[in-house]
Amino acid sequence: MDIQTLTRFFMWCTILNGSLLVLWTSMCILAPDWVYRLQSKWFPISRETFNVVIYSFLGLFKIIFLVFNAVPYVALVIIG
């Protein structure tokens, strides 16, 4: 696998996962009550616990996105 193919792969991974991160963040900011009502139908959870869980997962996803998508893509662009 050459550097250009790997760079394109990480570019698309970064675009797709970044879009998912932006969508998830915007849903949590713009419609938090709707997200809570939707999730509380499936899982009985208090609002405080829901807030901790959803923002913890959001932070974890952001860290994983940066470490495994954005940083490798930037490194490949620099060396390519």
C-alpha atoms as a PDB file:
ATOM      1  CA  MET A   1       0.000   0.000   0.000  1.00  0.00           C
ATOM      2  CA  ASP A   2       1.513   3.312  -1.038  1.00  0.00           C
ATOM      3  CA  ILE A   3       1.442   6.606   0.852  1.00  0.00           C
ATOM      4  CA  GLN A   4      -1.122   8.232  -1.449  1.00  0.00           C
ATOM      5  CA  THR A   5      -3.651   5.428  -0.922  1.00  0.00           C
ATOM      6  CA  LEU A   6      -3.081   5.507   2.819  1.00  0.00           C
ATOM      7  CA  THR A   7      -3.445   9.299   2.845  1.00  0.00           C
ATOM      8  CA  ARG A   8      -6.743   9.084   0.947  1.00  0.00           C
ATOM      9  CA  PHE A   9      -7.962   6.382   3.343  1.00  0.00           C
ATOM     10  CA  PHE A  10      -7.218   8.520   6.404  1.00  0.00           C
ATOM     11  CA  MET A  11      -8.684  11.575   4.689  1.00  0.00           C
ATOM     12  CA  TRP A  12     -12.025   9.807   4.214  1.00  0.00           C
ATOM     13  CA  CYS A  13     -11.908   8.337   7.716  1.00  0.00           C
ATOM     14  CA  THR A  14     -11.319  11.833   9.088  1.00  0.00           C
ATOM     15  CA  ILE A  15     -14.145  13.325   7.009  1.00  0.00           C
ATOM     16  CA  LEU A  16     -16.678  10.627   7.930  1.00  0.00           C
ATOM     17  CA  ASN A  17     -15.816  10.433  11.624  1.00  0.00           C
ATOM     18  CA  GLY A  18     -15.532  14.226  11.875  1.00  0.00           C
ATOM     19  CA  SER A  19     -18.990  14.565  10.350  1.00  0.00           C
ATOM     20  CA  LEU A  20     -20.351  12.055  12.844  1.00  0.00           C
ATOM     21  CA  LEU A  21     -18.718  13.984  15.694  1.00  0.00           C
ATOM     22  CA  VAL A  22     -20.190  17.284  14.477  1.00  0.00           C
ATOM     23  CA  LEU A  23     -23.649  15.722  14.053  1.00  0.00           C
ATOM     24  CA  TRP A  24     -23.578  14.131  17.498  1.00  0.00           C
ATOM     25  CA  THR A  25     -22.316  17.337  19.138  1.00  0.00           C
ATOM     26  CA  SER A  26     -24.913  19.481  17.392  1.00  0.00           C
ATOM     27  CA  MET A  27     -27.695  17.102  18.429  1.00  0.00           C
ATOM     28  CA  CYS A  28     -26.552  17.285  22.051  1.00  0.00           C
ATOM     29  CA  ILE A  29     -26.350  21.085  21.926  1.00  0.00           C
ATOM     30  CA  LEU A  30     -29.427  21.937  19.841  1.00  0.00           C
ATOM     31  CA  ALA A  31     -31.880  19.216  20.904  1.00  0.00           C
ATOM     32  CA  PRO A  32     -30.802  17.769  24.266  1.00  0.00           C
ATOM     33  CA  ASP A  33     -34.365  17.165  25.485  1.00  0.00           C
ATOM     34  CA  TRP A  34     -35.291  15.257  22.320  1.00  0.00           C
ATOM     35  CA  VAL A  35     -32.175  13.083  22.583  1.00  0.00           C
ATOM     36  CA  TYR A  36     -32.907  12.376  26.247  1.00  0.00           C
ATOM     37  CA  ARG A  37     -36.553  11.469  25.555  1.00  0.00           C
ATOM     38  CA  LEU A  38     -35.519   9.175  22.718  1.00  0.00           C
ATOM     39  CA  GLN A  39     -32.886   7.383  24.776  1.00  0.00           C
ATOM     40  CA  SER A  40     -34.959   7.185  27.952  1.00  0.00           C
ATOM     41  CA  LYS A  41     -37.591   5.186  26.067  1.00  0.00           C
ATOM     42  CA  TRP A  42     -35.006   2.437  25.550  1.00  0.00           C
ATOM     43  CA  PHE A  43     -33.028   2.744  28.773  1.00  0.00           C
ATOM     44  CA  PRO A  44     -34.540   3.974  32.048  1.00  0.00           C
ATOM     45  CA  ILE A  45     -31.980   6.567  33.159  1.00  0.00           C
ATOM     46  CA  SER A  46     -32.098   9.803  35.100  1.00  0.00           C
ATOM     47  CA  ARG A  47     -31.354  13.086  33.363  1.00  0.00           C
ATOM     48  CA  GLU A  48     -28.203  13.734  35.407  1.00  0.00           C
ATOM     49  CA  THR A  49     -26.803  10.278  34.644  1.00  0.00           C
ATOM     50  CA  PHE A  50     -27.704  10.704  30.981  1.00  0.00           C
ATOM     51  CA  ASN A  51     -25.819  13.997  30.802  1.00  0.00           C
ATOM     52  CA  VAL A  52     -22.703  12.452  32.346  1.00  0.00           C
ATOM     53  CA  VAL A  53     -22.836   9.412  30.069  1.00  0.00           C
ATOM     54  CA  ILE A  54     -23.526  11.264  26.810  1.00  0.00           C
ATOM     55  CA  TYR A  55     -20.852  13.911  27.365  1.00  0.00           C
ATOM     56  CA  SER A  56     -18.337  11.280  28.515  1.00  0.00           C
ATOM     57  CA  PHE A  57     -18.906   9.289  25.334  1.00  0.00           C
ATOM     58  CA  LEU A  58     -18.697  12.478  23.298  1.00  0.00           C
ATOM     59  CA  GLY A  59     -15.347  13.344  24.874  1.00  0.00           C
ATOM     60  CA  LEU A  60     -14.039   9.807  24.408  1.00  0.00           C
ATOM     61  CA  PHE A  61     -15.105   9.796  20.752  1.00  0.00           C
ATOM     62  CA  LYS A  62     -13.382  13.151  20.222  1.00  0.00           C
ATOM     63  CA  ILE A  63     -10.113  11.843  21.683  1.00  0.00           C
ATOM     64  CA  ILE A  64     -10.292   8.638  19.637  1.00  0.00           C
ATOM     65  CA  PHE A  65     -11.109  10.662  16.508  1.00  0.00           C
ATOM     66  CA  LEU A  66      -8.104  12.901  16.997  1.00  0.00           C
ATOM     67  CA  VAL A  67      -5.662  10.114  17.856  1.00  0.00           C
ATOM     68  CA  PHE A  68      -6.695   7.548  15.249  1.00  0.00           C
ATOM     69  CA  ASN A  69      -7.966   9.708  12.353  1.00  0.00           C
ATOM     70  CA  ALA A  70      -6.868  13.323  12.342  1.00  0.00           C
ATOM     71  CA  VAL A  71      -3.277  12.959  13.578  1.00  0.00           C
ATOM     72  CA  PRO A  72      -2.338  10.087  11.206  1.00  0.00           C
ATOM     73  CA  TYR A  73      -3.893  12.000   8.293  1.00  0.00           C
ATOM     74  CA  VAL A  74      -1.937  15.179   9.103  1.00  0.00           C
ATOM     75  CA  ALA A  75       1.270  13.146   9.531  1.00  0.00           C
ATOM     76  CA  LEU A  76       0.775  11.466   6.141  1.00  0.00           C
ATOM     77  CA  VAL A  77       0.083  14.813   4.479  1.00  0.00           C
ATOM     78  CA  ILE A  78       3.289  16.226   5.979  1.00  0.00           C
ATOM     79  CA  ILE A  79       5.488  13.342   4.843  1.00  0.00           C
ATOM     80  CA  GLY A  80       3.704  12.914   1.494  1.00  0.00           C
END
